């Protein structure tokens, strides 16, 4: 048996695992280890990414892991009811299997905002990936933000 091949294979597997927990931002010129933890009973927000501020707001994408035992259809109904309660306008919605895509707009904390979100149901959790931008900046950033949200995949 050739031990150098075994060493390379084992080293390659180790490096793959290390790289899998590293977030790489080539345009910004850095990488950082992920701060990864199991979802808690109260939920978590393991990731938030921001674009440079423009007109007093940083467009952003965040990932939340929410405990939720209901179906994605029930989650959609709950979201729609919450939107009505706080005066948010639902622009579009699309349900596909265990995934919900919604786009909405409204005022929060004095800001006119636009959102695009993907909710994915897995087990007793919903993974909610949300892009948010100032309504005036949405057209400029929407392609980048929507593509980023849609790139989310469960493992």
Protein backbone atom coordinates (compact mmCIF):
# COMPACT_ATOMS: atom_id res chain seq x y z
CA UNK A 1 0.00 0.00 0.00
CA UNK A 2 1.30 3.46 -0.90
CA UNK A 3 1.20 5.59 2.28
CA UNK A 4 1.73 8.89 0.45
CA UNK A 5 -1.58 8.41 -1.38
CA UNK A 6 -3.35 7.68 1.90
CA UNK A 7 -1.84 10.78 3.49
CA UNK A 8 -2.97 12.96 0.60
CA UNK A 9 -6.47 11.50 0.75
CA UNK A 10 -6.78 12.00 4.52
CA UNK A 11 -5.30 15.50 4.28
CA UNK A 12 -7.65 16.33 1.42
CA UNK A 13 -10.65 15.22 3.46
CA UNK A 14 -9.50 17.27 6.44
CA UNK A 15 -8.95 20.38 4.33
CA UNK A 16 -12.38 19.95 2.73
CA UNK A 17 -14.04 19.97 6.15
CA UNK A 18 -12.07 23.02 7.26
CA UNK A 19 -12.92 24.90 4.06
CA UNK A 20 -16.60 23.97 4.42
CA UNK A 21 -16.77 26.01 7.63
CA UNK A 22 -14.97 29.02 6.18
CA UNK A 23 -16.87 31.87 4.59
CA UNK A 24 -14.93 33.38 1.70
CA UNK A 25 -15.60 36.91 0.44
CA UNK A 26 -13.25 37.32 -2.57
CA UNK A 27 -14.57 40.76 -3.63
CA UNK A 28 -14.07 42.13 -0.11
CA UNK A 29 -10.73 40.36 0.16
CA UNK A 30 -11.18 38.19 3.26
CA UNK A 31 -12.35 34.91 4.71
CA UNK A 32 -13.60 34.08 8.18
CA UNK A 33 -14.54 30.92 10.01
CA UNK A 34 -18.27 30.48 10.34
CA UNK A 35 -19.91 30.82 13.72
CA UNK A 36 -22.02 27.71 13.31
CA UNK A 37 -24.30 26.28 16.00
CA UNK A 38 -27.34 24.03 16.10
CA UNK A 39 -30.70 25.85 15.99
CA UNK A 40 -32.04 26.53 19.45
CA UNK A 41 -35.59 26.17 20.74
CA UNK A 42 -36.03 29.94 20.44
CA UNK A 43 -34.48 30.21 16.96
CA UNK A 44 -31.29 31.79 15.71
CA UNK A 45 -29.86 34.12 13.09
CA UNK A 46 -26.61 32.46 12.03
CA UNK A 47 -25.87 34.83 9.15
CA UNK A 48 -26.33 38.49 8.22
CA UNK A 49 -24.61 40.08 5.21
CA UNK A 50 -24.71 43.78 4.37
CA UNK A 51 -23.94 45.79 1.25
CA UNK A 52 -22.34 49.22 1.67
CA UNK A 53 -24.81 51.83 2.97
CA UNK A 54 -26.60 53.94 0.41
CA UNK A 55 -29.09 56.71 1.21
CA UNK A 56 -28.80 55.85 4.91
CA UNK A 57 -29.53 52.11 4.59
CA UNK A 58 -27.44 48.97 4.08
CA UNK A 59 -29.17 46.44 1.87
CA UNK A 60 -28.84 43.08 3.58
CA UNK A 61 -29.54 39.38 3.47
CA UNK A 62 -29.97 37.36 6.63
CA UNK A 63 -30.70 33.76 7.48
CA UNK A 64 -32.90 32.89 10.45
CA UNK A 65 -33.69 29.42 11.73
CA UNK A 66 -37.12 29.48 13.36
CA UNK A 67 -38.70 26.63 15.33
CA UNK A 68 -41.99 25.83 13.58
CA UNK A 69 -43.95 22.56 13.64
CA UNK A 70 -46.70 23.55 11.18
CA UNK A 71 -46.70 23.19 7.41
CA UNK A 72 -45.30 25.70 4.96
CA UNK A 73 -48.90 26.56 3.99
CA UNK A 74 -49.67 27.37 7.64
CA UNK A 75 -46.45 29.43 7.80
CA UNK A 76 -47.60 31.36 4.71
CA UNK A 77 -51.00 32.08 6.32
CA UNK A 78 -49.33 33.17 9.56
CA UNK A 79 -47.01 35.51 7.64
CA UNK A 80 -49.87 37.01 5.64
CA UNK A 81 -51.84 37.67 8.83
CA UNK A 82 -48.82 39.33 10.45
CA UNK A 83 -48.32 41.51 7.35
CA UNK A 84 -51.94 42.70 7.57
CA UNK A 85 -51.55 43.50 11.29
CA UNK A 86 -48.53 45.74 10.74
CA UNK A 87 -49.56 47.27 7.39
CA UNK A 88 -47.12 45.43 5.12
CA UNK A 89 -48.14 45.01 1.46
CA UNK A 90 -47.73 41.55 -0.04
CA UNK A 91 -46.46 41.92 -3.62
CA UNK A 92 -46.16 38.27 -4.63
CA UNK A 93 -46.11 34.75 -3.21
CA UNK A 94 -45.25 31.35 -4.61
CA UNK A 95 -45.44 28.06 -2.72
CA UNK A 96 -43.53 25.05 -4.08
CA UNK A 97 -43.42 21.91 -1.95
CA UNK A 98 -41.79 22.88 1.34
CA UNK A 99 -40.62 26.27 0.02
CA UNK A 100 -42.35 29.65 0.05
CA UNK A 101 -41.11 32.69 -1.90
CA UNK A 102 -42.64 36.05 -0.94
CA UNK A 103 -42.00 39.65 -1.87
CA UNK A 104 -43.43 42.50 0.18
CA UNK A 105 -42.99 46.19 1.05
CA UNK A 106 -43.88 48.63 3.76
CA UNK A 107 -42.65 50.98 6.45
CA UNK A 108 -40.64 49.83 9.45
CA UNK A 109 -38.85 52.10 11.90
CA UNK A 110 -39.50 55.11 9.65
CA UNK A 111 -37.95 53.47 6.59
CA UNK A 112 -39.79 52.58 3.36
CA UNK A 113 -38.48 49.06 2.77
CA UNK A 114 -38.73 46.28 0.21
CA UNK A 115 -38.22 42.60 1.05
CA UNK A 116 -37.74 39.35 -0.83
CA UNK A 117 -37.78 36.17 1.23
CA UNK A 118 -37.47 32.42 0.85
CA UNK A 119 -38.84 30.18 3.63
CA UNK A 120 -37.84 26.51 3.59
CA UNK A 121 -39.50 24.01 5.94
CA UNK A 122 -37.36 21.13 7.22
CA UNK A 123 -38.36 19.05 10.23
CA UNK A 124 -39.49 21.29 13.07
CA UNK A 125 -37.83 24.43 11.65
CA UNK A 126 -38.30 27.04 8.97
CA UNK A 127 -35.16 28.47 7.41
CA UNK A 128 -36.04 32.07 6.50
CA UNK A 129 -33.69 33.86 4.11
CA UNK A 130 -34.60 37.53 3.71
CA UNK A 131 -33.22 40.32 1.54
CA UNK A 132 -34.10 43.84 2.69
CA UNK A 133 -33.40 47.16 1.02
CA UNK A 134 -34.63 50.73 1.09
CA UNK A 135 -37.53 51.03 -1.37
CA UNK A 136 -35.63 53.72 -3.34
CA UNK A 137 -32.58 51.45 -3.76
CA UNK A 138 -34.44 48.20 -4.52
CA UNK A 139 -34.26 48.41 -8.32
CA UNK A 140 -30.49 48.94 -8.18
CA UNK A 141 -29.81 45.95 -5.87
CA UNK A 142 -32.73 43.58 -6.49
CA UNK A 143 -30.99 41.23 -8.93
CA UNK A 144 -28.02 40.72 -6.61
CA UNK A 145 -30.21 40.35 -3.52
CA UNK A 146 -32.74 37.97 -5.12
CA UNK A 147 -29.97 35.79 -6.57
CA UNK A 148 -28.31 35.64 -3.17
CA UNK A 149 -31.52 34.59 -1.41
CA UNK A 150 -32.29 32.02 -4.10
CA UNK A 151 -28.80 30.52 -3.78
CA UNK A 152 -29.71 29.14 -0.32
CA UNK A 153 -29.71 25.35 -0.17
CA UNK A 154 -30.24 23.01 2.74
CA UNK A 155 -27.67 20.29 3.30
